[in-house]
Protein backbone atom coordinates (compact mmCIF):
# COMPACT_ATOMS: atom_id res chain seq x y z
CA UNK A 1 0.12 -0.28 0.45
CA UNK A 2 2.49 2.31 0.85
CA UNK A 3 4.73 2.33 -2.66
CA UNK A 4 1.25 2.76 -4.35
CA UNK A 5 0.42 6.13 -2.12
CA UNK A 6 4.04 7.46 -2.79
CA UNK A 7 4.26 6.72 -6.76
CA UNK A 8 4.19 9.57 -8.94
CA UNK A 9 0.58 10.45 -9.72
CA UNK A 10 0.50 12.58 -12.80
CA UNK A 11 -1.84 16.07 -12.63
CA UNK A 12 -3.76 16.81 -15.02
CA UNK A 13 -2.83 20.98 -16.20
CA UNK A 14 -5.89 20.28 -19.13
CA UNK A 15 -8.11 22.98 -17.99
CA UNK A 16 -10.99 21.72 -20.47
CA UNK A 17 -10.67 18.02 -19.22
CA UNK A 18 -11.04 19.14 -15.71
CA UNK A 19 -14.20 20.81 -16.24
CA UNK A 20 -15.38 18.13 -17.95
CA UNK A 21 -14.42 15.34 -15.57
CA UNK A 22 -16.08 18.23 -13.08
CA UNK A 23 -19.34 18.10 -14.35
CA UNK A 24 -19.48 14.67 -14.64
CA UNK A 25 -18.98 14.38 -11.20
CA UNK A 26 -21.99 16.95 -10.38
CA UNK A 27 -24.11 14.76 -12.59
CA UNK A 28 -23.38 11.96 -10.84
CA UNK A 29 -24.27 13.69 -8.26
CA UNK A 30 -27.75 14.94 -9.39
CA UNK A 31 -28.74 11.36 -10.82
CA UNK A 32 -28.24 8.75 -7.42
CA UNK A 33 -30.26 11.01 -5.42
CA UNK A 34 -32.59 11.43 -7.60
CA UNK A 35 -33.09 8.19 -8.48
CA UNK A 36 -32.25 6.21 -5.62
CA UNK A 37 -33.92 8.93 -3.47
CA UNK A 38 -31.28 8.26 -0.16
CA UNK A 39 -30.94 10.76 2.98
CA UNK A 40 -34.65 11.34 2.80
CA UNK A 41 -34.94 12.35 -0.92
CA UNK A 42 -37.86 9.55 -0.38
CA UNK A 43 -40.14 12.14 0.96
CA UNK A 44 -39.53 15.58 -1.46
CA UNK A 45 -41.99 15.39 -3.89
CA UNK A 46 -41.58 14.89 -7.48
CA UNK A 47 -41.82 17.87 -8.65
CA UNK A 48 -38.86 19.39 -6.39
CA UNK A 49 -36.90 15.72 -6.38
CA UNK A 50 -34.80 16.62 -9.35
CA UNK A 51 -34.43 20.75 -8.60
CA UNK A 52 -33.05 19.79 -4.87
CA UNK A 53 -30.76 17.15 -6.94
CA UNK A 54 -30.09 19.16 -9.58
CA UNK A 55 -28.97 22.06 -6.43
CA UNK A 56 -26.64 19.94 -4.57
CA UNK A 57 -24.86 18.76 -7.78
CA UNK A 58 -24.20 22.07 -8.47
CA UNK A 59 -22.75 22.74 -5.83
CA UNK A 60 -20.61 19.96 -6.17
CA UNK A 61 -19.94 21.16 -9.92
CA UNK A 62 -19.08 24.32 -8.66
CA UNK A 63 -16.67 23.38 -5.38
CA UNK A 64 -14.68 20.42 -7.53
CA UNK A 65 -13.73 22.85 -10.77
CA UNK A 66 -13.29 26.01 -7.93
CA UNK A 67 -10.17 23.21 -6.46
CA UNK A 68 -9.09 21.49 -9.54
CA UNK A 69 -8.63 24.14 -11.82
CA UNK A 70 -9.20 27.49 -10.31
CA UNK A 71 -6.70 26.96 -7.30
CA UNK A 72 -3.79 25.41 -9.05
CA UNK A 73 -3.96 28.60 -11.60
CA UNK A 74 -3.15 30.77 -8.76
CA UNK A 75 -1.12 28.90 -6.93
CA UNK A 76 0.93 26.64 -9.71
CA UNK A 77 3.79 25.72 -7.28
CA UNK A 78 1.96 23.40 -5.18
CA UNK A 79 0.86 21.54 -7.82
CA UNK A 80 4.07 20.79 -9.64
CA UNK A 81 3.52 17.36 -11.28
CA UNK A 82 7.36 16.62 -10.96
CA UNK A 83 6.36 15.95 -7.30
CA UNK A 84 3.14 15.25 -7.27
CA UNK A 85 2.13 11.89 -5.85
CA UNK A 86 -0.87 9.44 -5.37
CA UNK A 87 -0.97 10.65 -1.54
CA UNK A 88 -1.10 14.22 -2.14
CA UNK A 89 -3.87 13.55 -4.86
CA UNK A 90 -5.84 11.31 -2.98
CA UNK A 91 -5.60 13.87 0.34
CA UNK A 92 -6.01 16.82 -1.56
CA UNK A 93 -9.49 14.79 -2.78
CA UNK A 94 -10.74 14.19 0.46
CA UNK A 95 -10.22 17.45 1.23
CA UNK A 96 -11.89 19.15 -1.70
CA UNK A 97 -15.11 16.60 -0.03
CA UNK A 98 -14.69 18.22 3.40
CA UNK A 99 -15.64 21.28 1.66
CA UNK A 100 -18.05 20.31 -1.06
CA UNK A 101 -19.98 19.46 2.36
CA UNK A 102 -19.63 22.96 3.85
CA UNK A 103 -21.38 23.64 0.79
CA UNK A 104 -23.67 21.24 0.70
CA UNK A 105 -25.00 22.47 4.25
CA UNK A 106 -25.09 25.72 3.14
CA UNK A 107 -27.51 24.48 0.81
CA UNK A 108 -29.51 22.13 3.09
CA UNK A 109 -29.65 25.44 5.40
CA UNK A 110 -31.10 27.16 2.41
CA UNK A 111 -33.66 24.57 1.53
CA UNK A 112 -34.01 23.56 4.49
CA UNK A 113 -33.96 25.92 6.85
CA UNK A 114 -35.85 24.13 10.07
CA UNK A 115 -31.92 22.28 9.36
CA UNK A 116 -30.24 24.99 11.26
CA UNK A 117 -28.33 22.91 14.30
CA UNK A 118 -24.66 22.77 14.33
CA UNK A 119 -24.90 18.55 14.37
CA UNK A 120 -26.12 19.68 10.37
CA UNK A 121 -23.26 20.50 9.65
CA UNK A 122 -21.58 17.16 10.68
CA UNK A 123 -23.80 15.15 9.16
CA UNK A 124 -23.70 16.77 5.65
CA UNK A 125 -19.84 16.07 5.04
CA UNK A 126 -20.71 12.31 6.64
CA UNK A 127 -23.20 11.82 3.68
CA UNK A 128 -20.61 14.34 1.08
CA UNK A 129 -18.18 11.47 2.97
CA UNK A 130 -20.13 7.63 2.40
CA UNK A 131 -21.04 9.16 -1.53
CA UNK A 132 -17.27 9.95 -2.33
CA UNK A 133 -14.31 8.70 -0.14
CA UNK A 134 -14.55 5.03 -2.18
CA UNK A 135 -14.75 6.39 -5.47
CA UNK A 136 -11.95 8.84 -4.56
CA UNK A 137 -9.77 6.17 -3.92
CA UNK A 138 -10.65 3.99 -6.63
CA UNK A 139 -10.07 6.24 -9.12
CA UNK A 140 -6.65 7.37 -8.42
CA UNK A 141 -6.09 3.70 -7.61
CA UNK A 142 -7.20 2.54 -11.14
CA UNK A 143 -5.79 6.05 -13.01
CA UNK A 144 -2.60 4.46 -11.51
CA UNK A 145 -2.60 0.71 -12.89
CA UNK A 146 -4.00 2.11 -16.22
CA UNK A 147 -0.52 3.90 -16.85
CA UNK A 148 1.09 1.53 -15.63
CA UNK A 149 -0.58 -1.48 -17.48
CA UNK A 150 0.14 0.57 -20.65
CA UNK A 151 3.78 0.90 -19.57
CA UNK A 152 3.56 -3.01 -19.22
CA UNK A 153 2.34 -2.98 -22.73
CA UNK A 154 5.01 -1.12 -24.17
CA UNK A 155 7.21 -3.09 -21.88
CA UNK A 156 5.83 -6.68 -23.64
CA UNK A 157 5.90 -5.42 -26.98
CA UNK A 158 10.11 -4.05 -26.70
CA UNK A 159 10.46 -6.97 -25.75
CA UNK A 160 9.27 -9.13 -28.45
CA UNK A 161 10.94 -6.37 -30.86
CA UNK A 162 14.35 -7.42 -29.08
CA UNK A 163 13.52 -10.58 -29.51
CA UNK A 164 13.06 -10.62 -33.38
CA UNK A 165 15.14 -8.48 -34.69
CA UNK A 166 18.54 -9.46 -35.29
CA UNK A 167 21.03 -6.61 -34.79
CA UNK A 168 25.40 -6.09 -35.62
CA UNK A 169 26.96 -3.91 -32.09
CA UNK A 170 29.70 -4.65 -31.30
CA UNK A 171 30.32 -3.88 -28.07
CA UNK A 172 33.05 -1.99 -25.85
CA UNK A 173 34.05 -4.31 -22.43
CA UNK A 174 35.08 -1.06 -21.18
CA UNK A 175 31.55 0.24 -22.21
CA UNK A 176 30.15 -2.63 -20.54
CA UNK A 177 31.44 -1.69 -17.41
CA UNK A 178 30.91 1.01 -17.19
CA UNK A 179 27.74 2.63 -14.48
CA UNK A 180 25.74 5.49 -16.21
CA UNK A 181 22.99 7.80 -14.28
CA UNK A 182 19.74 8.50 -14.96
CA UNK A 183 17.63 11.67 -13.34
CA UNK A 184 14.09 13.10 -14.20
CA UNK A 185 13.68 16.56 -13.89
CA UNK A 186 13.07 16.24 -10.16
CA UNK A 187 16.89 15.56 -9.64
CA UNK A 188 15.92 13.75 -6.47
CA UNK A 189 14.67 11.11 -8.75
CA UNK A 190 18.05 8.70 -10.43
CA UNK A 191 18.98 5.54 -11.46
CA UNK A 192 22.49 4.86 -11.01
CA UNK A 193 23.36 0.91 -13.05
CA UNK A 194 25.62 -0.79 -14.90
CA UNK A 195 25.03 -0.18 -19.04
CA UNK A 196 24.32 -3.91 -19.80
CA UNK A 197 21.24 -4.14 -17.41
CA UNK A 198 19.71 -1.47 -19.10
CA UNK A 199 17.02 -2.45 -21.56
CA UNK A 200 15.07 -0.31 -22.58
CA UNK A 201 13.20 3.39 -22.44
CA UNK A 202 9.97 3.88 -23.08
CA UNK A 203 7.81 7.17 -22.71
CA UNK A 204 4.77 6.31 -20.30
CA UNK A 205 2.28 10.15 -20.74
CA UNK A 206 4.12 12.52 -19.23
CA UNK A 207 6.82 10.03 -17.40
CA UNK A 208 9.77 7.97 -19.02
CA UNK A 209 9.70 3.87 -17.20
CA UNK A 210 12.63 2.28 -17.56
CA UNK A 211 13.57 -1.01 -17.59
CA UNK A 212 16.23 -2.68 -16.38
CA UNK A 213 18.13 -5.48 -13.71
CA UNK A 214 18.30 -5.90 -10.35
CA UNK A 215 20.10 -8.81 -9.42
CA UNK A 216 18.55 -10.77 -11.96
CA UNK A 217 15.39 -9.65 -11.73
CA UNK A 218 13.40 -7.20 -14.32
CA UNK A 219 13.05 -3.83 -12.71
CA UNK A 220 10.98 -0.72 -14.02
CA UNK A 221 11.17 2.76 -12.70
CA UNK A 222 8.56 5.72 -13.60
CA UNK A 223 10.57 9.08 -13.55
CA UNK A 224 8.95 12.10 -14.34
CA UNK A 225 10.94 13.61 -17.92
CA UNK A 226 10.97 12.93 -21.39
CA UNK A 227 12.23 10.39 -24.32
CA UNK A 228 14.95 12.85 -25.57
CA UNK A 229 15.90 14.27 -22.27
CA UNK A 230 17.09 10.56 -21.52
CA UNK A 231 18.64 10.18 -25.18
CA UNK A 232 21.08 13.25 -24.42
CA UNK A 233 22.34 11.56 -20.85
CA UNK A 234 22.53 8.41 -22.97
CA UNK A 235 24.79 9.79 -26.16
CA UNK A 236 28.02 8.94 -24.84
CA UNK A 237 27.19 4.89 -24.84
CA UNK A 238 27.41 4.08 -28.29
CA UNK A 239 25.32 0.48 -27.34
CA UNK A 240 21.79 2.32 -26.61
CA UNK A 241 19.76 3.59 -29.65
CA UNK A 242 16.07 5.32 -30.95
CA UNK A 243 14.63 2.00 -32.04
CA UNK A 244 10.63 3.26 -32.47
CA UNK A 245 9.31 6.85 -32.01
CA UNK A 246 8.39 6.42 -28.37
CA UNK A 247 11.16 3.57 -27.37
CA UNK A 248 14.88 3.70 -26.72
CA UNK A 249 16.94 0.78 -25.92
């Protein structure tokens, strides 16, 4: 679990895509409340049920858009992708859910004036977390797994190509004995290995995937960088060639 939480996580900077995701979340909340009628919605009249559900969906859309689009633009230094991790994404989404719960409480006070006790705030937060906590963790986990599956598919394809292609290449003993240093954009992300232990490098969204041998075992590592930058770092090692648009062997 710890290894999953500290993995690099792509922080999407596409405002249009984020807006679409926030709209889908707001629509999901609206449909969930109106169709399944939880939390007392079954006591509402049909004419007002969809209006109230839409209002809660609108609160979700507005606040999630603020946290996902506006706040990162106001404080870009806090949301640098090279330092973003899975645990940060989960925590940030939970904080977003906390504020959405507060927004839902304010809406409840307006829609149901009799519910003015402070306990209503706690109830609104509990309801919000009941609906949101599991989808939040699941979405982060699934997105991380999709990234790794894409990388594994690229790695498998590259391995098959490596096995079927016949290449003639003379490697000098001095080159084999050399160790190479590969750094990501985040200087803390670095890999030092023997040249012969590096199998290949492939592109994985905004990252590069390093495939290498460690104690005879196949290992992989994601670093925030581009294939072009990796190629520049390996320029002195002639045994590595750019064999595909998204791969370096």
